[in-house]
Amino acid sequence: MMSDTKLYMAPGTCARIPSIALEEAGQEFDIELVRFMKGEHKSPEFKKVNPKGKVPALVIGGNTLTENVAIITYLNERFPKARLMPAANGAVEKAHFLADLCFCASTLHPIVSRIRMPQFFASEDAMRSVWEMGCTAMSEYFALVDSRLDDQPWWYGDQWSAVDAYLYWVYWRVEGANFDIAPYPNFVAHAARMEERPALQRALAREAAAQAQLEAEGLVFKPPQVK
């Protein structure tokens, strides 16, 4: 039986964040794999779903949502028992929580792209420079996150939130692009705690299945090596 909730995704992308959130909420959902190597993200069919040509896109309750900040905000309100974000005590605190999501999406995420995919921002000869500048920029923010996690397990203390899911994706993405994580032991420990959560394990299993499908179809994206 098909669910009325569908997540358009590609393995390794930030679509992992709403996937984790949906798993934490216990919401049944289907995966729609978008094949980047075939250009499906820019196809007329997909652009009817998300005119920006990006993942994630979440179809839920007859509505289509894009952008992780909006998706997480909506899921938090729709599934309050999942406690995807802390309960806000007034408009100012709610704005602070929203700012934390925006920090992940608007500050960290663009730097991730420069570290993980410098070829999108420079010629092959200049890729190393883009990667290095991205790592330099990211080190300041990793230090910030590491400091925040110095005496608490999650971004909001003892309460896990979708911010932790986003931070985990950032960590995983740049670690896989040779960013040096050794100076940030609290962030490293945070990632290990995240990997113990059943919701993340289920989300990763979905991604593994999607990755296997791409491999079977010969459509795995292999970025060039930074020299």
Protein backbone atom coordinates (compact mmCIF):
# COMPACT_ATOMS: atom_id res chain seq x y z
CA MET A 1 0.00 0.00 0.00
CA MET A 2 1.35 3.37 -1.03
CA SER A 3 1.73 6.07 1.60
CA ASP A 4 0.34 9.56 1.09
CA THR A 5 3.80 10.86 2.02
CA LYS A 6 6.60 10.79 -0.54
CA LEU A 7 10.16 12.05 -0.20
CA TYR A 8 12.04 12.89 -3.38
CA MET A 9 15.69 12.20 -2.63
CA ALA A 10 19.11 11.11 -3.79
CA PRO A 11 21.53 9.22 -1.53
CA GLY A 12 24.06 11.38 0.29
CA THR A 13 22.14 14.60 -0.21
CA CYS A 14 20.53 16.73 2.47
CA ALA A 15 17.29 14.84 1.81
CA ARG A 16 18.66 12.67 4.61
CA ILE A 17 17.48 15.29 7.11
CA PRO A 18 13.73 15.06 6.47
CA SER A 19 14.15 11.30 6.08
CA ILE A 20 15.49 11.13 9.64
CA ALA A 21 12.74 13.45 10.86
CA LEU A 22 10.02 11.32 9.30
CA GLU A 23 11.56 8.20 10.83
CA GLU A 24 11.72 9.89 14.24
CA ALA A 25 8.05 10.84 13.88
CA GLY A 26 7.09 7.27 12.97
CA GLN A 27 5.48 8.49 9.75
CA GLU A 28 5.17 6.01 6.90
CA PHE A 29 6.60 7.39 3.68
CA ASP A 30 7.76 6.31 0.26
CA ILE A 31 11.02 7.20 -1.45
CA GLU A 32 11.18 8.62 -4.97
CA LEU A 33 14.76 8.33 -6.22
CA VAL A 34 15.92 11.27 -8.35
CA ARG A 35 18.71 10.23 -10.70
CA PHE A 36 21.07 13.18 -10.97
CA MET A 37 23.31 11.47 -13.53
CA LYS A 38 20.32 11.25 -15.87
CA GLY A 39 19.44 14.88 -15.24
CA GLU A 40 16.12 13.96 -13.64
CA HIS A 41 16.44 16.84 -11.17
CA LYS A 42 16.24 19.26 -14.12
CA SER A 43 13.56 17.36 -16.01
CA PRO A 44 10.15 18.95 -16.71
CA GLU A 45 8.52 16.15 -14.72
CA PHE A 46 10.51 16.82 -11.56
CA LYS A 47 10.28 20.57 -11.93
CA LYS A 48 6.52 20.19 -11.62
CA VAL A 49 7.29 18.91 -8.13
CA ASN A 50 10.10 21.35 -7.32
CA PRO A 51 10.70 24.10 -9.88
CA LYS A 52 14.12 24.74 -8.28
CA GLY A 53 15.31 21.35 -9.50
CA LYS A 54 16.67 20.21 -6.14
CA VAL A 55 16.08 17.61 -3.47
CA PRO A 56 14.55 17.20 -1.02
CA ALA A 57 10.96 17.70 -1.97
CA LEU A 58 8.33 16.30 0.37
CA VAL A 59 4.78 15.56 -0.67
CA ILE A 60 2.64 15.13 2.44
CA GLY A 61 -1.04 15.57 3.05
CA GLY A 62 -1.59 16.72 -0.52
CA ASN A 63 0.99 19.50 -0.21
CA THR A 64 4.49 19.75 -1.62
CA LEU A 65 7.20 21.27 0.56
CA THR A 66 10.77 22.19 -0.33
CA GLU A 67 13.73 23.59 1.64
CA ASN A 68 14.76 21.80 4.81
CA VAL A 69 14.02 24.70 7.16
CA ALA A 70 10.42 24.80 5.95
CA ILE A 71 10.07 21.02 5.88
CA ILE A 72 11.36 20.56 9.43
CA THR A 73 9.24 23.45 10.73
CA TYR A 74 6.14 21.87 9.21
CA LEU A 75 6.93 18.34 10.41
CA ASN A 76 7.56 19.65 13.91
CA GLU A 77 4.10 21.21 13.98
CA ARG A 78 2.40 18.23 12.37
CA PHE A 79 4.03 15.65 14.66
CA PRO A 80 4.44 17.40 18.01
CA LYS A 81 4.91 14.15 19.94
CA ALA A 82 8.11 13.49 17.98
CA ARG A 83 9.65 16.64 19.50
CA LEU A 84 11.66 17.39 16.37
CA MET A 85 12.34 20.82 17.85
CA PRO A 86 12.05 22.04 21.45
CA ALA A 87 8.79 23.57 22.61
CA ALA A 88 9.17 27.33 22.24
CA ASN A 89 8.30 29.67 25.09
CA GLY A 90 7.10 32.61 23.04
CA ALA A 91 7.87 34.16 19.68
CA VAL A 92 11.46 35.13 20.46
CA GLU A 93 12.49 31.63 21.50
CA LYS A 94 10.72 30.21 18.44
CA ALA A 95 12.75 32.61 16.31
CA HIS A 96 15.95 31.41 18.00
CA PHE A 97 15.11 27.81 17.12
CA LEU A 98 14.38 28.83 13.54
CA ALA A 99 17.73 30.63 13.43
CA ASP A 100 19.48 27.41 14.45
CA LEU A 101 17.93 25.59 11.49
CA CYS A 102 18.91 28.49 9.24
CA PHE A 103 22.48 28.31 10.59
CA CYS A 104 22.65 24.75 9.28
CA ALA A 105 20.95 25.50 5.97
CA SER A 106 22.33 28.94 5.14
CA THR A 107 25.76 29.02 6.79
CA LEU A 108 27.05 25.45 7.03
CA HIS A 109 25.39 23.90 3.99
CA PRO A 110 26.94 26.22 1.34
CA ILE A 111 30.40 25.58 2.80
CA VAL A 112 29.75 21.84 2.67
CA SER A 113 29.13 22.18 -1.06
CA ARG A 114 32.49 23.88 -1.58
CA ILE A 115 34.34 21.20 0.34
CA ARG A 116 32.46 18.25 -1.11
CA MET A 117 31.97 19.47 -4.68
CA PRO A 118 34.52 22.19 -5.50
CA GLN A 119 34.26 21.29 -9.18
CA PHE A 120 30.92 23.12 -9.24
CA PHE A 121 32.65 26.38 -8.28
CA ALA A 122 35.98 26.33 -10.10
CA SER A 123 37.96 24.85 -12.95
CA GLU A 124 39.94 21.67 -12.33
CA ASP A 125 43.11 23.69 -11.75
CA ALA A 126 41.40 25.83 -9.07
CA MET A 127 39.47 23.10 -7.26
CA ARG A 128 42.13 22.73 -4.59
CA SER A 129 41.89 26.40 -3.71
CA VAL A 130 38.10 26.23 -3.35
CA TRP A 131 38.39 23.13 -1.15
CA GLU A 132 41.03 24.73 1.06
CA MET A 133 39.05 27.94 1.47
CA GLY A 134 35.96 25.90 2.31
CA CYS A 135 37.87 23.96 4.97
CA THR A 136 39.20 27.17 6.48
CA ALA A 137 35.71 28.65 6.63
CA MET A 138 34.23 25.48 8.08
CA SER A 139 36.83 25.17 10.84
CA GLU A 140 35.40 28.23 12.62
CA TYR A 141 31.92 26.74 12.69
CA PHE A 142 33.06 23.26 13.65
CA ALA A 143 34.80 24.87 16.61
CA LEU A 144 31.53 26.61 17.50
CA VAL A 145 29.57 23.35 17.36
CA ASP A 146 32.27 21.49 19.26
CA SER A 147 32.21 24.10 22.02
CA ARG A 148 28.44 23.91 22.30
CA LEU A 149 28.64 20.13 22.67
CA ASP A 150 31.37 20.29 25.29
CA ASP A 151 29.11 19.41 28.24
CA GLN A 152 25.91 18.21 26.57
CA PRO A 153 25.00 15.37 24.21
CA TRP A 154 22.81 17.33 21.77
CA TRP A 155 22.55 20.87 20.42
CA TYR A 156 19.74 21.60 22.89
CA GLY A 157 21.25 19.78 25.83
CA ASP A 158 19.57 16.50 26.73
CA GLN A 159 16.90 16.85 24.04
CA TRP A 160 17.65 15.55 20.58
CA SER A 161 16.31 17.69 17.73
CA ALA A 162 16.29 17.95 13.96
CA VAL A 163 19.20 20.37 14.30
CA ASP A 164 21.26 17.37 15.40
CA ALA A 165 20.18 15.54 12.26
CA TYR A 166 21.31 18.44 10.11
CA LEU A 167 24.62 18.75 11.98
CA TYR A 168 25.24 15.04 11.50
CA TRP A 169 24.73 15.34 7.74
CA VAL A 170 27.17 18.28 7.64
CA TYR A 171 29.74 16.30 9.64
CA TRP A 172 29.35 13.16 7.52
CA ARG A 173 29.52 15.08 4.28
CA VAL A 174 32.77 16.93 4.98
CA GLU A 175 34.47 14.03 6.76
CA GLY A 176 34.01 12.11 3.52
CA ALA A 177 35.76 14.94 1.66
CA ASN A 178 38.92 14.82 3.80
CA PHE A 179 38.07 17.67 6.13
CA ASP A 180 40.11 17.14 9.31
CA ILE A 181 37.67 16.26 12.11
CA ALA A 182 40.33 15.38 14.69
CA PRO A 183 40.32 18.81 16.40
CA TYR A 184 36.61 18.46 17.21
CA PRO A 185 36.20 15.49 19.58
CA ASN A 186 32.79 16.59 20.88
CA PHE A 187 31.42 16.76 17.36
CA VAL A 188 32.93 13.34 16.64
CA ALA A 189 31.20 11.94 19.73
CA HIS A 190 27.95 13.60 18.65
CA ALA A 191 28.13 11.79 15.31
CA ALA A 192 28.67 8.48 17.11
CA ARG A 193 25.57 9.12 19.25
CA MET A 194 23.58 9.95 16.16
CA GLU A 195 24.59 6.65 14.56
CA GLU A 196 23.10 4.79 17.52
CA ARG A 197 19.63 6.20 16.86
CA PRO A 198 17.29 3.70 15.16
CA ALA A 199 15.69 6.49 13.09
CA LEU A 200 19.04 7.35 11.51
CA GLN A 201 19.80 3.69 10.92
CA ARG A 202 16.50 3.29 9.07
CA ALA A 203 17.14 6.43 7.02
CA LEU A 204 20.60 5.17 6.10
CA ALA A 205 19.14 1.81 5.09
CA ARG A 206 16.81 3.61 2.69
CA GLU A 207 19.77 5.47 1.23
CA ALA A 208 21.78 2.27 0.88
CA ALA A 209 18.94 0.71 -1.10
CA ALA A 210 18.76 3.78 -3.34
CA GLN A 211 22.54 3.73 -3.80
CA ALA A 212 22.44 0.05 -4.76
CA GLN A 213 19.79 0.87 -7.35
CA LEU A 214 21.94 3.61 -8.85
CA GLU A 215 24.93 1.27 -8.95
CA ALA A 216 22.86 -1.37 -10.73
CA GLU A 217 21.84 1.24 -13.30
CA GLY A 218 25.37 2.61 -13.72
CA LEU A 219 24.30 6.03 -12.50
CA VAL A 220 26.54 6.66 -9.50
CA PHE A 221 28.04 10.15 -9.41
CA LYS A 222 31.83 10.07 -8.90
CA PRO A 223 33.25 13.55 -8.30
CA PRO A 224 36.78 14.28 -9.51
CA GLN A 225 39.56 14.09 -6.96
CA VAL A 226 40.87 17.33 -5.51
CA LYS A 227 44.56 17.59 -6.38
